[in-house]
Amino acid sequence: MSRIHRRGSYGVDAPFVPLGFAGAAVALTVVGVVATVMRGIAVGWLPFLLAALMVVSLLVYMHATWRGKFQVWSRLLDELGLRGHERLLDIGCGRGAVLLMAAGRLDSGRAVGVDLWRTVDQSGNAQEVTEHNAVAEGVSDRVELHTGDMMALPFESDGFDAVVSSLAIHNVRTPEGRARAIDEAVRVLRPGGRLVVTDISATGEYLRRLTALGLVDVRVRPLGWRMWWGGPWMSTRVVSATKPMRWSLSLG
């Protein structure tokens, strides 16, 4: 897969997680040193091994947040087959990693991002940062940003040719709330439009909800090691679906 060159600054996803890996590695190393001095290497080797695992997990995580997700989303956006005139929505756009790559594939179209701008979900997450990144990437004329809740999107129905979301919907804490977010994504998607959602959890919920809502070509698949958030135990999957040309919401 080709290298993705980005000119913006996109921060770190869930920044407390890599800090946790780093802190655990340091603490386990100290434990290993103390155990080796007091009891010998026969006891001290295990903390050292666990510390090494934390370091590897940290490196895998940082690869995902700084490079892997860009490579994966470049492929997913290619699969959407954007022609340049589309209106695309990114739910939980953050600092614009996916939004601005999509904007780069548009000419007369529009890439619209919506977020609550919470720094716990992404370091330095702020609308002004995303605006600056749009300028840096040379796509500010095709980008529009909004503050809004994914469970009550501030957009009209059937208004977007494509809706995407990256690592965002799982931040809604309840299954009912996540179902509402999926409902809203479908509501604003025009008939015939495509929905693409990547996430680290609850993808089975999204799959079932989209199927129940009557969407077609509903699929889920793993995205591989490039979006491992520390290791295979925290991997990313993508759920995709198409809104039928004739569709009406049948669920409450």
Foldseek 3Di string as FASTA:
>chain_A
DDFDDAQADQFAFQVVVLVVLQVLLVVLVVVLVVCCVVPNNVPSVVSNVVSVLSVLLSVLQVLLGPTLVLVLLLVVLVVQVDPAAWEEEEEQCFLNSNQLSNLVNHDNYAREYEHQQDCSRGNPGDPVSSCVSCVRSVRNVRYHYDYDDLLDDPDAFQAGQEYEYEAPLPVPPDLVSSLSSLVSSNRNHHAFHKYKYKHQDPVVSSQVSCVVQPWPPWDKDWRDSSQANRDPNRGMMMIMTGHHNDGDGDDD
